[in-house]
N, C-alpha and C. Protein backbone atom coordinates (compact mmCIF):
# COMPACT_ATOMS: atom_id res chain seq x y z
N MET A 1 45.40 -24.74 14.53
CA MET A 1 44.41 -23.74 14.88
C MET A 1 43.77 -24.16 16.21
N LYS A 2 43.67 -23.21 17.14
CA LYS A 2 43.05 -23.48 18.43
C LYS A 2 41.55 -23.73 18.25
N LYS A 3 40.98 -24.43 19.23
CA LYS A 3 39.56 -24.78 19.16
C LYS A 3 38.68 -23.54 19.07
N SER A 4 39.00 -22.50 19.85
CA SER A 4 38.18 -21.28 19.82
C SER A 4 38.27 -20.61 18.45
N ASN A 5 39.44 -20.67 17.83
CA ASN A 5 39.59 -20.08 16.50
C ASN A 5 38.80 -20.87 15.45
N ARG A 6 38.79 -22.20 15.60
CA ARG A 6 38.02 -23.01 14.65
C ARG A 6 36.52 -22.73 14.80
N ILE A 7 36.07 -22.53 16.03
CA ILE A 7 34.66 -22.23 16.26
C ILE A 7 34.29 -20.90 15.62
N ILE A 8 35.13 -19.88 15.86
CA ILE A 8 34.89 -18.56 15.27
C ILE A 8 34.93 -18.65 13.75
N TYR A 9 35.76 -19.51 13.21
CA TYR A 9 35.88 -19.69 11.76
C TYR A 9 34.61 -20.33 11.18
N TRP A 10 34.08 -21.36 11.83
CA TRP A 10 33.00 -22.14 11.26
C TRP A 10 31.60 -21.61 11.55
N ILE A 11 31.40 -20.92 12.65
CA ILE A 11 30.04 -20.48 13.01
C ILE A 11 29.41 -19.60 11.92
N PRO A 12 30.08 -18.57 11.40
CA PRO A 12 29.40 -17.76 10.38
C PRO A 12 29.10 -18.55 9.11
N ARG A 13 29.97 -19.48 8.76
CA ARG A 13 29.76 -20.28 7.56
C ARG A 13 28.55 -21.20 7.71
N ILE A 14 28.46 -21.86 8.85
CA ILE A 14 27.34 -22.76 9.10
C ILE A 14 26.03 -21.99 9.21
N LEU A 15 26.04 -20.87 9.93
CA LEU A 15 24.83 -20.06 10.05
C LEU A 15 24.38 -19.52 8.69
N CYS A 16 25.32 -19.15 7.86
CA CYS A 16 24.98 -18.63 6.54
C CYS A 16 24.36 -19.72 5.68
N ILE A 17 24.93 -20.92 5.73
CA ILE A 17 24.36 -22.04 4.97
C ILE A 17 22.93 -22.32 5.45
N LEU A 18 22.73 -22.33 6.76
CA LEU A 18 21.38 -22.57 7.31
C LEU A 18 20.41 -21.46 6.90
N ALA A 19 20.87 -20.22 6.91
CA ALA A 19 20.01 -19.10 6.51
C ALA A 19 19.66 -19.19 5.02
N ILE A 20 20.62 -19.58 4.20
CA ILE A 20 20.34 -19.74 2.77
C ILE A 20 19.35 -20.88 2.55
N LEU A 21 19.50 -21.97 3.28
CA LEU A 21 18.54 -23.08 3.16
C LEU A 21 17.14 -22.62 3.59
N PHE A 22 17.07 -21.79 4.63
CA PHE A 22 15.78 -21.27 5.07
C PHE A 22 15.14 -20.40 3.98
N ILE A 23 15.93 -19.53 3.38
CA ILE A 23 15.43 -18.68 2.28
C ILE A 23 15.00 -19.55 1.10
N SER A 24 15.77 -20.59 0.82
CA SER A 24 15.47 -21.48 -0.31
C SER A 24 14.14 -22.20 -0.13
N LYS A 25 13.76 -22.44 1.11
CA LYS A 25 12.51 -23.13 1.41
C LYS A 25 11.31 -22.40 0.81
N PHE A 26 11.40 -21.08 0.70
CA PHE A 26 10.29 -20.31 0.16
C PHE A 26 10.09 -20.54 -1.33
N ALA A 27 11.06 -21.11 -2.01
CA ALA A 27 10.92 -21.41 -3.43
C ALA A 27 9.96 -22.57 -3.66
N LEU A 28 9.69 -23.34 -2.63
CA LEU A 28 8.80 -24.49 -2.77
C LEU A 28 7.36 -24.10 -3.09
N ASP A 29 7.01 -22.82 -2.85
CA ASP A 29 5.64 -22.41 -3.17
C ASP A 29 5.41 -22.30 -4.67
N SER A 30 6.43 -22.52 -5.47
CA SER A 30 6.27 -22.49 -6.92
C SER A 30 5.61 -23.76 -7.45
N PHE A 31 5.54 -24.79 -6.62
CA PHE A 31 4.89 -26.03 -7.03
C PHE A 31 3.40 -25.93 -6.72
N THR A 32 2.63 -25.63 -7.78
CA THR A 32 1.20 -25.47 -7.62
C THR A 32 0.48 -26.37 -8.62
N PRO A 33 -0.68 -26.85 -8.24
CA PRO A 33 -1.42 -27.69 -9.18
C PRO A 33 -1.91 -26.87 -10.37
N GLY A 34 -2.05 -27.52 -11.48
CA GLY A 34 -2.55 -26.85 -12.67
C GLY A 34 -1.45 -26.43 -13.64
N LEU A 35 -0.21 -26.49 -13.22
CA LEU A 35 0.90 -26.16 -14.10
C LEU A 35 1.62 -27.44 -14.50
N THR A 36 2.26 -27.41 -15.64
CA THR A 36 3.03 -28.57 -16.05
C THR A 36 4.27 -28.67 -15.17
N ILE A 37 4.89 -29.83 -15.17
CA ILE A 37 6.10 -30.02 -14.36
C ILE A 37 7.20 -29.07 -14.81
N TRP A 38 7.27 -28.79 -16.11
CA TRP A 38 8.31 -27.89 -16.62
C TRP A 38 8.06 -26.46 -16.18
N GLN A 39 6.81 -26.04 -16.14
CA GLN A 39 6.47 -24.70 -15.65
C GLN A 39 6.80 -24.59 -14.16
N GLN A 40 6.49 -25.64 -13.41
CA GLN A 40 6.76 -25.64 -11.98
C GLN A 40 8.27 -25.62 -11.71
N LEU A 41 9.02 -26.42 -12.45
CA LEU A 41 10.48 -26.43 -12.27
C LEU A 41 11.10 -25.09 -12.67
N GLY A 42 10.60 -24.50 -13.75
CA GLY A 42 11.09 -23.19 -14.16
C GLY A 42 10.84 -22.14 -13.09
N ALA A 43 9.61 -22.15 -12.55
CA ALA A 43 9.29 -21.20 -11.48
C ALA A 43 10.13 -21.47 -10.24
N PHE A 44 10.38 -22.75 -9.94
CA PHE A 44 11.20 -23.12 -8.79
C PHE A 44 12.61 -22.56 -8.92
N PHE A 45 13.23 -22.73 -10.08
CA PHE A 45 14.59 -22.24 -10.26
C PHE A 45 14.66 -20.71 -10.27
N ILE A 46 13.62 -20.07 -10.76
CA ILE A 46 13.56 -18.61 -10.71
C ILE A 46 13.42 -18.14 -9.26
N HIS A 47 12.60 -18.84 -8.46
CA HIS A 47 12.43 -18.48 -7.05
C HIS A 47 13.71 -18.71 -6.25
N LEU A 48 14.61 -19.53 -6.79
CA LEU A 48 15.88 -19.79 -6.09
C LEU A 48 16.97 -18.76 -6.41
N ILE A 49 16.69 -17.78 -7.26
CA ILE A 49 17.70 -16.78 -7.62
C ILE A 49 18.28 -16.08 -6.39
N PRO A 50 17.48 -15.65 -5.40
CA PRO A 50 18.10 -15.05 -4.20
C PRO A 50 19.08 -16.02 -3.51
N SER A 51 18.74 -17.29 -3.49
CA SER A 51 19.63 -18.27 -2.86
C SER A 51 20.93 -18.41 -3.64
N TYR A 52 20.84 -18.36 -4.97
CA TYR A 52 22.07 -18.43 -5.79
C TYR A 52 22.97 -17.23 -5.48
N ILE A 53 22.36 -16.06 -5.38
CA ILE A 53 23.13 -14.85 -5.10
C ILE A 53 23.77 -14.94 -3.72
N LEU A 54 23.00 -15.38 -2.73
CA LEU A 54 23.53 -15.51 -1.38
C LEU A 54 24.64 -16.56 -1.31
N LEU A 55 24.50 -17.61 -2.09
CA LEU A 55 25.54 -18.63 -2.15
C LEU A 55 26.82 -18.07 -2.75
N ALA A 56 26.69 -17.26 -3.80
CA ALA A 56 27.86 -16.62 -4.40
C ALA A 56 28.53 -15.68 -3.39
N LEU A 57 27.72 -14.97 -2.62
CA LEU A 57 28.27 -14.07 -1.59
C LEU A 57 28.94 -14.86 -0.47
N LEU A 58 28.40 -16.01 -0.15
CA LEU A 58 29.05 -16.87 0.85
C LEU A 58 30.42 -17.32 0.37
N ILE A 59 30.52 -17.65 -0.90
CA ILE A 59 31.81 -18.06 -1.47
C ILE A 59 32.81 -16.91 -1.36
N ILE A 60 32.36 -15.69 -1.65
CA ILE A 60 33.23 -14.51 -1.51
C ILE A 60 33.65 -14.34 -0.05
N ALA A 61 32.67 -14.44 0.85
CA ALA A 61 32.97 -14.25 2.28
C ALA A 61 33.88 -15.35 2.80
N TRP A 62 33.77 -16.53 2.25
CA TRP A 62 34.61 -17.64 2.69
C TRP A 62 36.07 -17.33 2.41
N LYS A 63 36.33 -16.70 1.28
CA LYS A 63 37.70 -16.37 0.89
C LYS A 63 38.17 -15.05 1.50
N TRP A 64 37.32 -14.03 1.44
CA TRP A 64 37.64 -12.70 1.96
C TRP A 64 36.62 -12.35 3.03
N GLU A 65 36.92 -12.72 4.26
CA GLU A 65 35.95 -12.61 5.35
C GLU A 65 35.51 -11.17 5.61
N TYR A 66 36.44 -10.25 5.59
CA TYR A 66 36.12 -8.86 5.92
C TYR A 66 35.15 -8.28 4.88
N ILE A 67 35.47 -8.46 3.61
CA ILE A 67 34.61 -7.94 2.54
C ILE A 67 33.25 -8.65 2.56
N GLY A 68 33.27 -9.97 2.72
CA GLY A 68 32.02 -10.73 2.78
C GLY A 68 31.17 -10.32 3.97
N GLY A 69 31.82 -10.06 5.11
CA GLY A 69 31.09 -9.62 6.28
C GLY A 69 30.38 -8.30 6.04
N ILE A 70 31.08 -7.38 5.43
CA ILE A 70 30.47 -6.08 5.12
C ILE A 70 29.30 -6.26 4.16
N ILE A 71 29.48 -7.10 3.14
CA ILE A 71 28.40 -7.33 2.17
C ILE A 71 27.17 -7.91 2.85
N PHE A 72 27.36 -8.90 3.73
CA PHE A 72 26.21 -9.50 4.40
C PHE A 72 25.51 -8.51 5.33
N ILE A 73 26.27 -7.67 6.01
CA ILE A 73 25.66 -6.66 6.87
C ILE A 73 24.84 -5.67 6.03
N VAL A 74 25.41 -5.22 4.93
CA VAL A 74 24.70 -4.27 4.05
C VAL A 74 23.44 -4.91 3.48
N ILE A 75 23.54 -6.17 3.05
CA ILE A 75 22.36 -6.84 2.51
C ILE A 75 21.28 -6.99 3.59
N GLY A 76 21.68 -7.44 4.77
CA GLY A 76 20.71 -7.62 5.85
C GLY A 76 20.03 -6.32 6.23
N LEU A 77 20.82 -5.27 6.41
CA LEU A 77 20.25 -3.98 6.79
C LEU A 77 19.51 -3.32 5.64
N GLY A 78 20.02 -3.50 4.43
CA GLY A 78 19.41 -2.87 3.26
C GLY A 78 18.05 -3.45 2.91
N PHE A 79 17.91 -4.76 3.05
CA PHE A 79 16.64 -5.39 2.71
C PHE A 79 15.62 -5.34 3.83
N SER A 80 16.05 -5.03 5.05
CA SER A 80 15.11 -4.99 6.18
C SER A 80 13.93 -4.05 5.95
N PRO A 81 14.16 -2.78 5.57
CA PRO A 81 12.99 -1.91 5.37
C PRO A 81 12.11 -2.36 4.20
N ILE A 82 12.72 -2.88 3.16
CA ILE A 82 11.94 -3.33 2.00
C ILE A 82 11.03 -4.49 2.39
N ILE A 83 11.61 -5.47 3.09
CA ILE A 83 10.83 -6.63 3.51
C ILE A 83 9.78 -6.23 4.55
N PHE A 84 10.15 -5.31 5.45
CA PHE A 84 9.19 -4.84 6.46
C PHE A 84 7.99 -4.19 5.79
N ILE A 85 8.24 -3.26 4.88
CA ILE A 85 7.14 -2.54 4.21
C ILE A 85 6.27 -3.51 3.42
N HIS A 86 6.91 -4.42 2.69
CA HIS A 86 6.15 -5.40 1.90
C HIS A 86 5.24 -6.24 2.80
N ASN A 87 5.78 -6.73 3.90
CA ASN A 87 4.99 -7.57 4.79
C ASN A 87 3.95 -6.76 5.56
N TYR A 88 4.28 -5.53 5.92
CA TYR A 88 3.31 -4.69 6.62
C TYR A 88 2.11 -4.40 5.71
N ASN A 89 2.38 -4.16 4.43
CA ASN A 89 1.28 -3.91 3.48
C ASN A 89 0.40 -5.15 3.31
N MET A 90 0.98 -6.34 3.51
CA MET A 90 0.20 -7.58 3.37
C MET A 90 -0.59 -7.90 4.63
N ASN A 91 0.02 -7.73 5.81
CA ASN A 91 -0.64 -8.20 7.03
C ASN A 91 -1.04 -7.08 7.99
N HIS A 92 -0.60 -5.87 7.76
CA HIS A 92 -0.92 -4.69 8.59
C HIS A 92 -0.61 -4.90 10.07
N SER A 93 0.45 -5.63 10.35
CA SER A 93 0.87 -5.87 11.72
C SER A 93 2.35 -5.54 11.86
N VAL A 94 2.64 -4.57 12.71
CA VAL A 94 4.03 -4.19 12.94
C VAL A 94 4.80 -5.35 13.56
N TRP A 95 4.18 -6.03 14.53
CA TRP A 95 4.89 -7.09 15.25
C TRP A 95 5.17 -8.29 14.36
N MET A 96 4.21 -8.65 13.53
CA MET A 96 4.42 -9.77 12.62
C MET A 96 5.50 -9.41 11.60
N SER A 97 5.47 -8.18 11.11
CA SER A 97 6.48 -7.75 10.15
C SER A 97 7.87 -7.71 10.78
N LEU A 98 7.96 -7.29 12.05
CA LEU A 98 9.24 -7.31 12.75
C LEU A 98 9.73 -8.75 12.96
N GLY A 99 8.81 -9.65 13.23
CA GLY A 99 9.17 -11.06 13.37
C GLY A 99 9.72 -11.63 12.07
N ILE A 100 9.13 -11.22 10.97
CA ILE A 100 9.61 -11.69 9.66
C ILE A 100 11.01 -11.13 9.39
N ILE A 101 11.23 -9.88 9.74
CA ILE A 101 12.57 -9.28 9.61
C ILE A 101 13.57 -10.06 10.46
N LEU A 102 13.16 -10.38 11.67
CA LEU A 102 14.02 -11.14 12.58
C LEU A 102 14.40 -12.49 11.99
N ALA A 103 13.48 -13.11 11.29
CA ALA A 103 13.74 -14.44 10.72
C ALA A 103 14.50 -14.40 9.40
N ILE A 104 14.31 -13.35 8.61
CA ILE A 104 14.87 -13.35 7.26
C ILE A 104 16.15 -12.54 7.14
N THR A 105 16.19 -11.31 7.63
CA THR A 105 17.36 -10.46 7.37
C THR A 105 18.37 -10.40 8.51
N VAL A 106 17.90 -10.47 9.74
CA VAL A 106 18.81 -10.38 10.89
C VAL A 106 19.87 -11.48 10.88
N PRO A 107 19.53 -12.73 10.50
CA PRO A 107 20.60 -13.74 10.45
C PRO A 107 21.77 -13.35 9.54
N PHE A 108 21.49 -12.65 8.45
CA PHE A 108 22.57 -12.26 7.56
C PHE A 108 23.42 -11.13 8.16
N VAL A 109 22.80 -10.26 8.95
CA VAL A 109 23.57 -9.24 9.67
C VAL A 109 24.49 -9.91 10.68
N ILE A 110 23.94 -10.89 11.41
CA ILE A 110 24.74 -11.62 12.39
C ILE A 110 25.89 -12.35 11.71
N VAL A 111 25.61 -13.00 10.59
CA VAL A 111 26.65 -13.70 9.82
C VAL A 111 27.73 -12.71 9.40
N GLY A 112 27.34 -11.54 8.93
CA GLY A 112 28.32 -10.53 8.52
C GLY A 112 29.21 -10.11 9.66
N VAL A 113 28.62 -9.86 10.81
CA VAL A 113 29.41 -9.48 12.00
C VAL A 113 30.37 -10.60 12.37
N LEU A 114 29.89 -11.85 12.33
CA LEU A 114 30.74 -12.98 12.68
C LEU A 114 31.89 -13.18 11.69
N PHE A 115 31.65 -12.92 10.41
CA PHE A 115 32.74 -12.99 9.43
C PHE A 115 33.81 -11.94 9.73
N ILE A 116 33.37 -10.75 10.10
CA ILE A 116 34.34 -9.69 10.43
C ILE A 116 35.11 -10.04 11.70
N VAL A 117 34.42 -10.57 12.70
CA VAL A 117 35.09 -11.00 13.93
C VAL A 117 36.12 -12.08 13.60
N SER A 118 35.75 -13.02 12.76
CA SER A 118 36.66 -14.09 12.37
C SER A 118 37.89 -13.53 11.66
N HIS A 119 37.66 -12.55 10.80
CA HIS A 119 38.77 -11.90 10.08
C HIS A 119 39.76 -11.28 11.06
N PHE A 120 39.26 -10.50 12.01
CA PHE A 120 40.16 -9.83 12.95
C PHE A 120 40.81 -10.81 13.92
N LYS A 121 40.11 -11.85 14.28
CA LYS A 121 40.69 -12.88 15.14
C LYS A 121 41.85 -13.58 14.42
N LYS A 122 41.64 -13.89 13.15
CA LYS A 122 42.69 -14.54 12.36
C LYS A 122 43.88 -13.60 12.18
N LYS A 123 43.59 -12.32 11.93
CA LYS A 123 44.65 -11.33 11.75
C LYS A 123 45.46 -11.17 13.04
N LYS A 124 44.79 -11.16 14.17
CA LYS A 124 45.45 -11.03 15.47
C LYS A 124 46.35 -12.25 15.72
N ASN A 125 45.86 -13.44 15.40
CA ASN A 125 46.66 -14.65 15.59
C ASN A 125 47.88 -14.67 14.67
N LEU A 126 47.75 -14.16 13.47
CA LEU A 126 48.90 -14.09 12.56
C LEU A 126 49.96 -13.13 13.09
N GLN A 127 49.54 -12.01 13.67
CA GLN A 127 50.48 -11.07 14.25
C GLN A 127 51.20 -11.67 15.43
N LYS A 128 50.49 -12.48 16.23
CA LYS A 128 51.12 -13.12 17.39
C LYS A 128 52.18 -14.13 16.95
N THR A 129 51.88 -14.89 15.89
CA THR A 129 52.84 -15.90 15.43
C THR A 129 54.06 -15.27 14.75
N ASN A 130 53.89 -14.08 14.19
CA ASN A 130 55.02 -13.40 13.54
C ASN A 130 55.97 -12.75 14.55
N HIS A 131 55.49 -12.51 15.75
CA HIS A 131 56.34 -11.86 16.76
C HIS A 131 56.93 -12.88 17.63
């Protein structure tokens, strides 16, 4: 595999892992004083459910790049208005809410696009080697 192909192959995977780790960081707010360790751990694992789902989707995208790319784009675009409205209702700032969208959902749209690019790049290289 050429170096450019390896880069195109690994960038969406690495970015997706980093984005999932970023989302997982928000589960740390489940550790609050006044609760038992078991209550805190239970809340922590429940707060990690989005990360589990995203990890499962990453596994799908790893095997089937085109399908995974579409799923990540749909998730990123689909959750953007929901997250925007939720954050706007909390902080009443359009710019802050857009910044939150930029940090939380846009990376998954980018990952989806990169998975699709990787799929077509791989497909193009296979056609070249067959001819």
